[in-house]
Amino acid sequence: MWIGVSDVHKKHPLIKKNDKVIVQTGKEKGKIGTVLKVNTEKGQGIVEKINIVKRHTRPGRQTSQGGIVEKESPIRLSNLMLVCSKCAEPTRIGRRLVEDGSKVRVCKKCGELID
């Protein structure tokens, strides 16, 4: 059985739920939103009011009325960049060990702790 590179070397994503991010590429480039959900298996995240798609739904048990529903679609985590709360700019994320031995995320531009 062949094992893919993505199966062996899965990285822990640096972007988490409730982070403020900016979209780097695609039709939504430059828009800022909050991460609602992160799927680490697929490397995707759902960002609030970004990458909106329309779904045509039929009436069913949960929804008594059908129609066109607009909802957020997943976007690749590689296309998102974290916005630092202190310097308010898109930044890369670093890791630093704290005195108690835990790792925290750090802004590469200003050195501010993100977690």
PDB file of N, CA and C in Angstrom:
ATOM      1  N   MET A   1       0.837  -1.188   0.000  1.00  0.00           N
ATOM      2  CA  MET A   1       0.000   0.000   0.000  1.00  0.00           C
ATOM      3  C   MET A   1       0.878   1.247   0.000  1.00  0.00           C
ATOM      4  N   TRP A   2       0.581   2.176  -0.862  1.00  0.00           N
ATOM      5  CA  TRP A   2       1.354   3.413  -0.964  1.00  0.00           C
ATOM      6  C   TRP A   2       0.837   4.425   0.039  1.00  0.00           C
ATOM      7  N   ILE A   3       1.760   5.046   0.762  1.00  0.00           N
ATOM      8  CA  ILE A   3       1.386   6.061   1.745  1.00  0.00           C
ATOM      9  C   ILE A   3       1.800   7.419   1.195  1.00  0.00           C
ATOM     10  N   GLY A   4       0.850   8.341   1.099  1.00  0.00           N
ATOM     11  CA  GLY A   4       1.130   9.674   0.578  1.00  0.00           C
ATOM     12  C   GLY A   4       1.901  10.511   1.581  1.00  0.00           C
ATOM     13  N   VAL A   5       2.555  11.529   1.073  1.00  0.00           N
ATOM     14  CA  VAL A   5       3.344  12.418   1.925  1.00  0.00           C
ATOM     15  C   VAL A   5       2.449  13.120   2.936  1.00  0.00           C
ATOM     16  N   SER A   6       1.242  13.485   2.525  1.00  0.00           N
ATOM     17  CA  SER A   6       0.343  14.189   3.437  1.00  0.00           C
ATOM     18  C   SER A   6      -0.119  13.290   4.581  1.00  0.00           C
ATOM     19  N   ASP A   7      -0.124  11.957   4.368  1.00  0.00           N
ATOM     20  CA  ASP A   7      -0.516  11.037   5.422  1.00  0.00           C
ATOM     21  C   ASP A   7       0.562  10.902   6.490  1.00  0.00           C
ATOM     22  N   VAL A   8       1.824  10.984   6.079  1.00  0.00           N
ATOM     23  CA  VAL A   8       2.930  10.770   6.995  1.00  0.00           C
ATOM     24  C   VAL A   8       3.256  12.025   7.786  1.00  0.00           C
ATOM     25  N   HIS A   9       3.326  13.158   7.116  1.00  0.00           N
ATOM     26  CA  HIS A   9       3.778  14.406   7.731  1.00  0.00           C
ATOM     27  C   HIS A   9       2.644  15.397   7.922  1.00  0.00           C
ATOM     28  N   LYS A  10       1.655  15.053   8.734  1.00  0.00           N
ATOM     29  CA  LYS A  10       0.564  15.980   8.988  1.00  0.00           C
ATOM     30  C   LYS A  10       1.028  17.022   9.990  1.00  0.00           C
ATOM     31  N   LYS A  11       0.905  18.279   9.618  1.00  0.00           N
ATOM     32  CA  LYS A  11       1.281  19.369  10.500  1.00  0.00           C
ATOM     33  C   LYS A  11       0.066  19.871  11.257  1.00  0.00           C
ATOM     34  N   HIS A  12       0.298  20.326  12.466  1.00  0.00           N
ATOM     35  CA  HIS A  12      -0.765  20.944  13.250  1.00  0.00           C
ATOM     36  C   HIS A  12      -0.973  22.355  12.710  1.00  0.00           C
ATOM     37  N   PRO A  13      -2.206  22.723  12.326  1.00  0.00           N
ATOM     38  CA  PRO A  13      -2.404  24.046  11.730  1.00  0.00           C
ATOM     39  C   PRO A  13      -2.168  25.160  12.742  1.00  0.00           C
ATOM     40  N   LEU A  14      -1.608  26.262  12.266  1.00  0.00           N
ATOM     41  CA  LEU A  14      -1.325  27.407  13.125  1.00  0.00           C
ATOM     42  C   LEU A  14      -2.519  28.345  13.225  1.00  0.00           C
ATOM     43  N   ILE A  15      -3.524  28.139  12.378  1.00  0.00           N
ATOM     44  CA  ILE A  15      -4.731  28.958  12.434  1.00  0.00           C
ATOM     45  C   ILE A  15      -5.795  28.167  13.180  1.00  0.00           C
ATOM     46  N   LYS A  16      -6.430  28.810  14.150  1.00  0.00           N
ATOM     47  CA  LYS A  16      -7.417  28.144  14.991  1.00  0.00           C
ATOM     48  C   LYS A  16      -8.753  28.872  14.928  1.00  0.00           C
ATOM     49  N   LYS A  17      -9.758  28.275  15.551  1.00  0.00           N
ATOM     50  CA  LYS A  17     -11.088  28.862  15.615  1.00  0.00           C
ATOM     51  C   LYS A  17     -11.030  30.203  16.343  1.00  0.00           C
ATOM     52  N   ASN A  18     -11.837  31.160  15.912  1.00  0.00           N
ATOM     53  CA  ASN A  18     -11.953  32.519  16.457  1.00  0.00           C
ATOM     54  C   ASN A  18     -10.743  33.406  16.157  1.00  0.00           C
ATOM     55  N   ASP A  19      -9.833  32.981  15.277  1.00  0.00           N
ATOM     56  CA  ASP A  19      -8.729  33.839  14.849  1.00  0.00           C
ATOM     57  C   ASP A  19      -9.222  34.808  13.785  1.00  0.00           C
ATOM     58  N   LYS A  20      -8.638  35.994  13.743  1.00  0.00           N
ATOM     59  CA  LYS A  20      -8.941  36.970  12.707  1.00  0.00           C
ATOM     60  C   LYS A  20      -7.941  36.750  11.577  1.00  0.00           C
ATOM     61  N   VAL A  21      -8.446  36.479  10.368  1.00  0.00           N
ATOM     62  CA  VAL A  21      -7.577  36.156   9.238  1.00  0.00           C
ATOM     63  C   VAL A  21      -7.906  37.029   8.035  1.00  0.00           C
ATOM     64  N   ILE A  22      -6.930  37.106   7.117  1.00  0.00           N
ATOM     65  CA  ILE A  22      -7.126  37.809   5.848  1.00  0.00           C
ATOM     66  C   ILE A  22      -6.887  36.803   4.735  1.00  0.00           C
ATOM     67  N   VAL A  23      -7.673  36.901   3.669  1.00  0.00           N
ATOM     68  CA  VAL A  23      -7.547  35.991   2.532  1.00  0.00           C
ATOM     69  C   VAL A  23      -6.450  36.519   1.616  1.00  0.00           C
ATOM     70  N   GLN A  24      -5.510  35.641   1.248  1.00  0.00           N
ATOM     71  CA  GLN A  24      -4.351  36.027   0.450  1.00  0.00           C
ATOM     72  C   GLN A  24      -4.562  35.877  -1.052  1.00  0.00           C
ATOM     73  N   THR A  25      -5.350  34.890  -1.482  1.00  0.00           N
ATOM     74  CA  THR A  25      -5.521  34.634  -2.912  1.00  0.00           C
ATOM     75  C   THR A  25      -6.983  34.354  -3.238  1.00  0.00           C
ATOM     76  N   GLY A  26      -7.290  34.390  -4.523  1.00  0.00           N
ATOM     77  CA  GLY A  26      -8.633  34.040  -4.989  1.00  0.00           C
ATOM     78  C   GLY A  26      -9.543  35.241  -5.131  1.00  0.00           C
ATOM     79  N   LYS A  27     -10.816  34.957  -5.366  1.00  0.00           N
ATOM     80  CA  LYS A  27     -11.782  36.028  -5.617  1.00  0.00           C
ATOM     81  C   LYS A  27     -12.072  36.844  -4.369  1.00  0.00           C
ATOM     82  N   GLU A  28     -11.797  36.304  -3.195  1.00  0.00           N
ATOM     83  CA  GLU A  28     -12.045  36.998  -1.920  1.00  0.00           C
ATOM     84  C   GLU A  28     -10.786  37.678  -1.378  1.00  0.00           C
ATOM     85  N   LYS A  29      -9.773  37.857  -2.202  1.00  0.00           N
ATOM     86  CA  LYS A  29      -8.476  38.396  -1.770  1.00  0.00           C
ATOM     87  C   LYS A  29      -8.627  39.743  -1.063  1.00  0.00           C
ATOM     88  N   GLY A  30      -7.985  39.862   0.109  1.00  0.00           N
ATOM     89  CA  GLY A  30      -7.986  41.108   0.856  1.00  0.00           C
ATOM     90  C   GLY A  30      -9.093  41.220   1.890  1.00  0.00           C
ATOM     91  N   LYS A  31     -10.043  40.307   1.891  1.00  0.00           N
ATOM     92  CA  LYS A  31     -11.145  40.365   2.857  1.00  0.00           C
ATOM     93  C   LYS A  31     -10.714  39.779   4.198  1.00  0.00           C
ATOM     94  N   ILE A  32     -11.228  40.368   5.275  1.00  0.00           N
ATOM     95  CA  ILE A  32     -10.891  39.942   6.627  1.00  0.00           C
ATOM     96  C   ILE A  32     -12.123  39.347   7.282  1.00  0.00           C
ATOM     97  N   GLY A  33     -11.926  38.234   7.997  1.00  0.00           N
ATOM     98  CA  GLY A  33     -13.030  37.579   8.680  1.00  0.00           C
ATOM     99  C   GLY A  33     -12.527  36.754   9.851  1.00  0.00           C
ATOM    100  N   THR A  34     -13.469  36.173  10.582  1.00  0.00           N
ATOM    101  CA  THR A  34     -13.156  35.350  11.744  1.00  0.00           C
ATOM    102  C   THR A  34     -13.347  33.884  11.385  1.00  0.00           C
ATOM    103  N   VAL A  35     -12.431  33.031  11.817  1.00  0.00           N
ATOM    104  CA  VAL A  35     -12.507  31.610  11.530  1.00  0.00           C
ATOM    105  C   VAL A  35     -13.611  30.986  12.388  1.00  0.00           C
ATOM    106  N   LEU A  36     -14.555  30.308  11.725  1.00  0.00           N
ATOM    107  CA  LEU A  36     -15.653  29.655  12.420  1.00  0.00           C
ATOM    108  C   LEU A  36     -15.342  28.197  12.724  1.00  0.00           C
ATOM    109  N   LYS A  37     -14.621  27.542  11.805  1.00  0.00           N
ATOM    110  CA  LYS A  37     -14.349  26.109  11.949  1.00  0.00           C
ATOM    111  C   LYS A  37     -13.083  25.770  11.182  1.00  0.00           C
ATOM    112  N   VAL A  38     -12.290  24.832  11.715  1.00  0.00           N
ATOM    113  CA  VAL A  38     -11.072  24.378  11.048  1.00  0.00           C
ATOM    114  C   VAL A  38     -11.131  22.870  10.905  1.00  0.00           C
ATOM    115  N   ASN A  39     -10.888  22.384   9.683  1.00  0.00           N
ATOM    116  CA  ASN A  39     -10.819  20.953   9.415  1.00  0.00           C
ATOM    117  C   ASN A  39      -9.355  20.609   9.180  1.00  0.00           C
ATOM    118  N   THR A  40      -8.709  20.002  10.185  1.00  0.00           N
ATOM    119  CA  THR A  40      -7.279  19.699  10.084  1.00  0.00           C
ATOM    120  C   THR A  40      -7.006  18.565   9.112  1.00  0.00           C
ATOM    121  N   GLU A  41      -7.948  17.644   8.954  1.00  0.00           N
ATOM    122  CA  GLU A  41      -7.756  16.511   8.049  1.00  0.00           C
ATOM    123  C   GLU A  41      -7.593  16.992   6.602  1.00  0.00           C
ATOM    124  N   LYS A  42      -8.434  17.937   6.189  1.00  0.00           N
ATOM    125  CA  LYS A  42      -8.413  18.432   4.813  1.00  0.00           C
ATOM    126  C   LYS A  42      -7.590  19.703   4.660  1.00  0.00           C
ATOM    127  N   GLY A  43      -7.188  20.328   5.764  1.00  0.00           N
ATOM    128  CA  GLY A  43      -6.426  21.573   5.677  1.00  0.00           C
ATOM    129  C   GLY A  43      -7.280  22.736   5.216  1.00  0.00           C
ATOM    130  N   GLN A  44      -8.540  22.764   5.654  1.00  0.00           N
ATOM    131  CA  GLN A  44      -9.470  23.803   5.243  1.00  0.00           C
ATOM    132  C   GLN A  44     -10.093  24.464   6.458  1.00  0.00           C
ATOM    133  N   GLY A  45     -10.594  25.669   6.243  1.00  0.00           N
ATOM    134  CA  GLY A  45     -11.286  26.379   7.298  1.00  0.00           C
ATOM    135  C   GLY A  45     -12.464  27.143   6.739  1.00  0.00           C
ATOM    136  N   ILE A  46     -13.449  27.392   7.590  1.00  0.00           N
ATOM    137  CA  ILE A  46     -14.610  28.190   7.197  1.00  0.00           C
ATOM    138  C   ILE A  46     -14.485  29.538   7.884  1.00  0.00           C
ATOM    139  N   VAL A  47     -14.503  30.601   7.073  1.00  0.00           N
ATOM    140  CA  VAL A  47     -14.335  31.959   7.568  1.00  0.00           C
ATOM    141  C   VAL A  47     -15.658  32.703   7.428  1.00  0.00           C
ATOM    142  N   GLU A  48     -15.992  33.475   8.456  1.00  0.00           N
ATOM    143  CA  GLU A  48     -17.257  34.194   8.503  1.00  0.00           C
ATOM    144  C   GLU A  48     -17.375  35.189   7.347  1.00  0.00           C
ATOM    145  N   LYS A  49     -18.467  35.074   6.577  1.00  0.00           N
ATOM    146  CA  LYS A  49     -18.804  35.956   5.459  1.00  0.00           C
ATOM    147  C   LYS A  49     -17.764  35.963   4.341  1.00  0.00           C
ATOM    148  N   ILE A  50     -16.996  34.862   4.201  1.00  0.00           N
ATOM    149  CA  ILE A  50     -16.013  34.727   3.124  1.00  0.00           C
ATOM    150  C   ILE A  50     -16.349  33.461   2.343  1.00  0.00           C
ATOM    151  N   ASN A  51     -16.205  33.511   1.018  1.00  0.00           N
ATOM    152  CA  ASN A  51     -16.431  32.366   0.134  1.00  0.00           C
ATOM    153  C   ASN A  51     -17.879  31.875   0.247  1.00  0.00           C
ATOM    154  N   ILE A  52     -18.823  32.800   0.081  1.00  0.00           N
ATOM    155  CA  ILE A  52     -20.251  32.494   0.179  1.00  0.00           C
ATOM    156  C   ILE A  52     -20.710  31.760  -1.081  1.00  0.00           C
ATOM    157  N   VAL A  53     -21.455  30.650  -0.880  1.00  0.00           N
ATOM    158  CA  VAL A  53     -22.041  29.913  -1.993  1.00  0.00           C
ATOM    159  C   VAL A  53     -23.544  29.811  -1.770  1.00  0.00           C
ATOM    160  N   LYS A  54     -24.274  29.573  -2.857  1.00  0.00           N
ATOM    161  CA  LYS A  54     -25.727  29.430  -2.767  1.00  0.00           C
ATOM    162  C   LYS A  54     -26.086  27.966  -2.928  1.00  0.00           C
ATOM    163  N   ARG A  55     -26.904  27.461  -2.019  1.00  0.00           N
ATOM    164  CA  ARG A  55     -27.367  26.082  -2.061  1.00  0.00           C
ATOM    165  C   ARG A  55     -28.887  26.083  -2.216  1.00  0.00           C
ATOM    166  N   HIS A  56     -29.367  25.293  -3.167  1.00  0.00           N
ATOM    167  CA  HIS A  56     -30.807  25.176  -3.382  1.00  0.00           C
ATOM    168  C   HIS A  56     -31.302  24.011  -2.540  1.00  0.00           C
ATOM    169  N   THR A  57     -32.195  24.303  -1.599  1.00  0.00           N
ATOM    170  CA  THR A  57     -32.673  23.269  -0.688  1.00  0.00           C
ATOM    171  C   THR A  57     -34.145  22.972  -0.936  1.00  0.00           C
ATOM    172  N   ARG A  58     -34.515  21.733  -0.644  1.00  0.00           N
ATOM    173  CA  ARG A  58     -35.905  21.313  -0.767  1.00  0.00           C
ATOM    174  C   ARG A  58     -36.532  21.315   0.619  1.00  0.00           C
ATOM    175  N   PRO A  59     -37.829  21.455   0.684  1.00  0.00           N
ATOM    176  CA  PRO A  59     -38.484  21.346   1.991  1.00  0.00           C
ATOM    177  C   PRO A  59     -38.286  19.948   2.565  1.00  0.00           C
ATOM    178  N   GLY A  60     -38.015  19.876   3.854  1.00  0.00           N
ATOM    179  CA  GLY A  60     -37.788  18.579   4.489  1.00  0.00           C
ATOM    180  C   GLY A  60     -38.289  18.596   5.915  1.00  0.00           C
ATOM    181  N   ARG A  61     -37.791  17.655   6.702  1.00  0.00           N
ATOM    182  CA  ARG A  61     -38.239  17.557   8.090  1.00  0.00           C
ATOM    183  C   ARG A  61     -37.701  18.702   8.940  1.00  0.00           C
ATOM    184  N   GLN A  62     -36.424  19.048   8.751  1.00  0.00           N
ATOM    185  CA  GLN A  62     -35.851  20.141   9.541  1.00  0.00           C
ATOM    186  C   GLN A  62     -36.311  21.508   9.035  1.00  0.00           C
ATOM    187  N   THR A  63     -36.358  21.668   7.718  1.00  0.00           N
ATOM    188  CA  THR A  63     -36.778  22.937   7.135  1.00  0.00           C
ATOM    189  C   THR A  63     -38.119  22.752   6.452  1.00  0.00           C
ATOM    190  N   SER A  64     -39.103  23.508   6.904  1.00  0.00           N
ATOM    191  CA  SER A  64     -40.438  23.378   6.314  1.00  0.00           C
ATOM    192  C   SER A  64     -40.529  24.092   4.970  1.00  0.00           C
ATOM    193  N   GLN A  65     -39.616  25.039   4.760  1.00  0.00           N
ATOM    194  CA  GLN A  65     -39.653  25.828   3.532  1.00  0.00           C
ATOM    195  C   GLN A  65     -38.344  25.651   2.773  1.00  0.00           C
ATOM    196  N   GLY A  66     -38.439  25.389   1.495  1.00  0.00           N
ATOM    197  CA  GLY A  66     -37.252  25.270   0.648  1.00  0.00           C
ATOM    198  C   GLY A  66     -36.867  26.634   0.109  1.00  0.00           C
ATOM    199  N   GLY A  67     -35.797  26.662  -0.654  1.00  0.00           N
ATOM    200  CA  GLY A  67     -35.364  27.917  -1.250  1.00  0.00           C
ATOM    201  C   GLY A  67     -33.865  27.953  -1.435  1.00  0.00           C
ATOM    202  N   ILE A  68     -33.345  29.137  -1.670  1.00  0.00           N
ATOM    203  CA  ILE A  68     -31.919  29.322  -1.885  1.00  0.00           C
ATOM    204  C   ILE A  68     -31.291  29.795  -0.582  1.00  0.00           C
ATOM    205  N   VAL A  69     -30.320  29.022  -0.092  1.00  0.00           N
ATOM    206  CA  VAL A  69     -29.649  29.326   1.168  1.00  0.00           C
ATOM    207  C   VAL A  69     -28.210  29.719   0.876  1.00  0.00           C
ATOM    208  N   GLU A  70     -27.772  30.838   1.435  1.00  0.00           N
ATOM    209  CA  GLU A  70     -26.383  31.261   1.278  1.00  0.00           C
ATOM    210  C   GLU A  70     -25.605  30.848   2.518  1.00  0.00           C
ATOM    211  N   LYS A  71     -24.458  30.177   2.300  1.00  0.00           N
ATOM    212  CA  LYS A  71     -23.635  29.768   3.427  1.00  0.00           C
ATOM    213  C   LYS A  71     -22.165  29.825   3.040  1.00  0.00           C
ATOM    214  N   GLU A  72     -21.299  29.784   4.069  1.00  0.00           N
ATOM    215  CA  GLU A  72     -19.867  29.847   3.843  1.00  0.00           C
ATOM    216  C   GLU A  72     -19.355  28.493   3.373  1.00  0.00           C
ATOM    217  N   SER A  73     -18.426  28.536   2.432  1.00  0.00           N
ATOM    218  CA  SER A  73     -17.794  27.338   1.919  1.00  0.00           C
ATOM    219  C   SER A  73     -16.356  27.284   2.442  1.00  0.00           C
ATOM    220  N   PRO A  74     -15.780  26.092   2.621  1.00  0.00           N
ATOM    221  CA  PRO A  74     -14.414  26.001   3.142  1.00  0.00           C
ATOM    222  C   PRO A  74     -13.394  26.633   2.201  1.00  0.00           C
ATOM    223  N   ILE A  75     -12.314  27.120   2.775  1.00  0.00           N
ATOM    224  CA  ILE A  75     -11.214  27.714   2.032  1.00  0.00           C
ATOM    225  C   ILE A  75      -9.916  27.118   2.579  1.00  0.00           C
ATOM    226  N   ARG A  76      -8.932  26.926   1.729  1.00  0.00           N
ATOM    227  CA  ARG A  76      -7.671  26.308   2.144  1.00  0.00           C
ATOM    228  C   ARG A  76      -6.973  27.172   3.189  1.00  0.00           C
ATOM    229  N   LEU A  77      -6.390  26.527   4.199  1.00  0.00           N
ATOM    230  CA  LEU A  77      -5.672  27.265   5.245  1.00  0.00           C
ATOM    231  C   LEU A  77      -4.425  27.942   4.697  1.00  0.00           C
ATOM    232  N   SER A  78      -3.877  27.391   3.606  1.00  0.00           N
ATOM    233  CA  SER A  78      -2.689  28.003   3.009  1.00  0.00           C
ATOM    234  C   SER A  78      -3.007  29.344   2.360  1.00  0.00           C
ATOM    235  N   ASN A  79      -4.280  29.608   2.092  1.00  0.00           N
ATOM    236  CA  ASN A  79      -4.693  30.879   1.489  1.00  0.00           C
ATOM    237  C   ASN A  79      -5.089  31.915   2.528  1.00  0.00           C
ATOM    238  N   LEU A  80      -4.963  31.578   3.802  1.00  0.00           N
ATOM    239  CA  LEU A  80      -5.322  32.489   4.888  1.00  0.00           C
ATOM    240  C   LEU A  80      -4.067  32.916   5.639  1.00  0.00           C
ATOM    241  N   MET A  81      -4.093  34.147   6.152  1.00  0.00           N
ATOM    242  CA  MET A  81      -2.983  34.651   6.952  1.00  0.00           C
ATOM    243  C   MET A  81      -3.553  35.336   8.182  1.00  0.00           C
ATOM    244  N   LEU A  82      -2.975  35.026   9.327  1.00  0.00           N
ATOM    245  CA  LEU A  82      -3.448  35.566  10.592  1.00  0.00           C
ATOM    246  C   LEU A  82      -3.198  37.067  10.676  1.00  0.00           C
ATOM    247  N   VAL A  83      -4.155  37.808  11.234  1.00  0.00           N
ATOM    248  CA  VAL A  83      -4.003  39.243  11.471  1.00  0.00           C
ATOM    249  C   VAL A  83      -3.708  39.426  12.955  1.00  0.00           C
ATOM    250  N   CYS A  84      -2.567  40.051  13.250  1.00  0.00           N
ATOM    251  CA  CYS A  84      -2.151  40.262  14.639  1.00  0.00           C
ATOM    252  C   CYS A  84      -3.071  41.299  15.292  1.00  0.00           C
ATOM    253  N   SER A  85      -3.442  41.047  16.550  1.00  0.00           N
ATOM    254  CA  SER A  85      -4.341  41.966  17.250  1.00  0.00           C
ATOM    255  C   SER A  85      -3.616  43.239  17.692  1.00  0.00           C
ATOM    256  N   LYS A  86      -2.305  43.160  17.911  1.00  0.00           N
ATOM    257  CA  LYS A  86      -1.557  44.328  18.376  1.00  0.00           C
ATOM    258  C   LYS A  86      -1.158  45.242  17.211  1.00  0.00           C
ATOM    259  N   CYS A  87      -0.467  44.680  16.214  1.00  0.00           N
ATOM    260  CA  CYS A  87       0.008  45.527  15.106  1.00  0.00           C
ATOM    261  C   CYS A  87      -1.013  45.635  13.972  1.00  0.00           C
ATOM    262  N   ALA A  88      -2.114  44.886  14.039  1.00  0.00           N
ATOM    263  CA  ALA A  88      -3.228  44.948  13.076  1.00  0.00           C
ATOM    264  C   ALA A  88      -2.777  44.748  11.635  1.00  0.00           C
ATOM    265  N   GLU A  89      -1.775  43.898  11.419  1.00  0.00           N
ATOM    266  CA  GLU A  89      -1.291  43.579  10.085  1.00  0.00           C
ATOM    267  C   GLU A  89      -1.246  42.077   9.896  1.00  0.00           C
ATOM    268  N   PRO A  90      -1.369  41.613   8.637  1.00  0.00           N
ATOM    269  CA  PRO A  90      -1.209  40.179   8.390  1.00  0.00           C
ATOM    270  C   PRO A  90       0.222  39.763   8.728  1.00  0.00           C
ATOM    271  N   THR A  91       0.357  38.656   9.403  1.00  0.00           N
ATOM    272  CA  THR A  91       1.674  38.243   9.849  1.00  0.00           C
ATOM    273  C   THR A  91       1.818  36.738   9.806  1.00  0.00           C
ATOM    274  N   ARG A  92       3.069  36.297   9.733  1.00  0.00           N
ATOM    275  CA  ARG A  92       3.357  34.878   9.875  1.00  0.00           C
ATOM    276  C   ARG A  92       3.326  34.533  11.355  1.00  0.00           C
ATOM    277  N   ILE A  93       3.204  33.259  11.635  1.00  0.00           N
ATOM    278  CA  ILE A  93       3.059  32.827  13.016  1.00  0.00           C
ATOM    279  C   ILE A  93       4.274  32.005  13.415  1.00  0.00           C
ATOM    280  N   GLY A  94       4.833  32.328  14.576  1.00  0.00           N
ATOM    281  CA  GLY A  94       5.938  31.549  15.123  1.00  0.00           C
ATOM    282  C   GLY A  94       5.497  30.858  16.391  1.00  0.00           C
ATOM    283  N   ARG A  95       6.366  30.030  16.924  1.00  0.00           N
ATOM    284  CA  ARG A  95       6.072  29.346  18.191  1.00  0.00           C
ATOM    285  C   ARG A  95       7.181  29.673  19.181  1.00  0.00           C
ATOM    286  N   ARG A  96       6.807  29.763  20.448  1.00  0.00           N
ATOM    287  CA  ARG A  96       7.764  30.062  21.496  1.00  0.00           C
ATOM    288  C   ARG A  96       7.405  29.241  22.737  1.00  0.00           C
ATOM    289  N   LEU A  97       8.428  28.779  23.438  1.00  0.00           N
ATOM    290  CA  LEU A  97       8.211  28.067  24.693  1.00  0.00           C
ATOM    291  C   LEU A  97       8.087  29.070  25.827  1.00  0.00           C
ATOM    292  N   VAL A  98       7.116  28.847  26.700  1.00  0.00           N
ATOM    293  CA  VAL A  98       6.897  29.712  27.853  1.00  0.00           C
ATOM    294  C   VAL A  98       7.523  29.028  29.077  1.00  0.00           C
ATOM    295  N   GLU A  99       7.626  29.761  30.171  1.00  0.00           N
ATOM    296  CA  GLU A  99       8.272  29.241  31.376  1.00  0.00           C
ATOM    297  C   GLU A  99       7.670  27.918  31.853  1.00  0.00           C
ATOM    298  N   ASP A 100       6.343  27.767  31.717  1.00  0.00           N
ATOM    299  CA  ASP A 100       5.707  26.544  32.204  1.00  0.00           C
ATOM    300  C   ASP A 100       5.884  25.355  31.260  1.00  0.00           C
ATOM    301  N   GLY A 101       6.584  25.542  30.138  1.00  0.00           N
ATOM    302  CA  GLY A 101       6.882  24.450  29.217  1.00  0.00           C
ATOM    303  C   GLY A 101       5.912  24.301  28.068  1.00  0.00           C
ATOM    304  N   SER A 102       4.871  25.135  27.997  1.00  0.00           N
ATOM    305  CA  SER A 102       3.905  25.040  26.906  1.00  0.00           C
ATOM    306  C   SER A 102       4.334  25.920  25.731  1.00  0.00           C
ATOM    307  N   LYS A 103       3.878  25.542  24.551  1.00  0.00           N
ATOM    308  CA  LYS A 103       4.175  26.323  23.351  1.00  0.00           C
ATOM    309  C   LYS A 103       3.038  27.300  23.099  1.00  0.00           C
ATOM    310  N   VAL A 104       3.379  28.528  22.712  1.00  0.00           N
ATOM    311  CA  VAL A 104       2.378  29.528  22.361  1.00  0.00           C
ATOM    312  C   VAL A 104       2.697  30.086  20.981  1.00  0.00           C
ATOM    313  N   ARG A 105       1.652  30.601  20.333  1.00  0.00           N
ATOM    314  CA  ARG A 105       1.844  31.228  19.026  1.00  0.00           C
ATOM    315  C   ARG A 105       2.300  32.669  19.220  1.00  0.00           C
ATOM    316  N   VAL A 106       3.186  33.136  18.312  1.00  0.00           N
ATOM    317  CA  VAL A 106       3.776  34.466  18.434  1.00  0.00           C
ATOM    318  C   VAL A 106       3.717  35.157  17.078  1.00  0.00           C
ATOM    319  N   CYS A 107       3.427  36.457  17.090  1.00  0.00           N
ATOM    320  CA  CYS A 107       3.468  37.281  15.880  1.00  0.00           C
ATOM    321  C   CYS A 107       4.926  37.475  15.476  1.00  0.00           C
ATOM    322  N   LYS A 108       5.256  37.212  14.210  1.00  0.00           N
ATOM    323  CA  LYS A 108       6.629  37.340  13.735  1.00  0.00           C
ATOM    324  C   LYS A 108       7.052  38.794  13.552  1.00  0.00           C
ATOM    325  N   LYS A 109       6.073  39.705  13.406  1.00  0.00           N
ATOM    326  CA  LYS A 109       6.417  41.119  13.183  1.00  0.00           C
ATOM    327  C   LYS A 109       6.689  41.859  14.485  1.00  0.00           C
ATOM    328  N   CYS A 110       5.777  41.716  15.464  1.00  0.00           N
ATOM    329  CA  CYS A 110       5.932  42.502  16.694  1.00  0.00           C
ATOM    330  C   CYS A 110       6.314  41.661  17.906  1.00  0.00           C
ATOM    331  N   GLY A 111       6.278  40.332  17.783  1.00  0.00           N
ATOM    332  CA  GLY A 111       6.655  39.475  18.888  1.00  0.00           C
ATOM    333  C   GLY A 111       5.586  39.297  19.951  1.00  0.00           C
ATOM    334  N   GLU A 112       4.376  39.779  19.689  1.00  0.00           N
ATOM    335  CA  GLU A 112       3.274  39.685  20.650  1.00  0.00           C
ATOM    336  C   GLU A 112       2.744  38.258  20.712  1.00  0.00           C
ATOM    337  N   LEU A 113       2.376  37.797  21.908  1.00  0.00           N
ATOM    338  CA  LEU A 113       1.774  36.480  22.071  1.00  0.00           C
ATOM    339  C   LEU A 113       0.352  36.501  21.505  1.00  0.00           C
ATOM    340  N   ILE A 114       0.002  35.468  20.751  1.00  0.00           N
ATOM    341  CA  ILE A 114      -1.326  35.394  20.149  1.00  0.00           C
ATOM    342  C   ILE A 114      -2.270  34.598  21.038  1.00  0.00           C
ATOM    343  N   ASP A 115      -1.775  33.540  21.659  1.00  0.00           N
ATOM    344  CA  ASP A 115      -2.603  32.710  22.545  1.00  0.00           C
ATOM    345  C   ASP A 115      -2.674  33.298  23.930  1.00  0.00           C
TER     346      ASP A 115
END
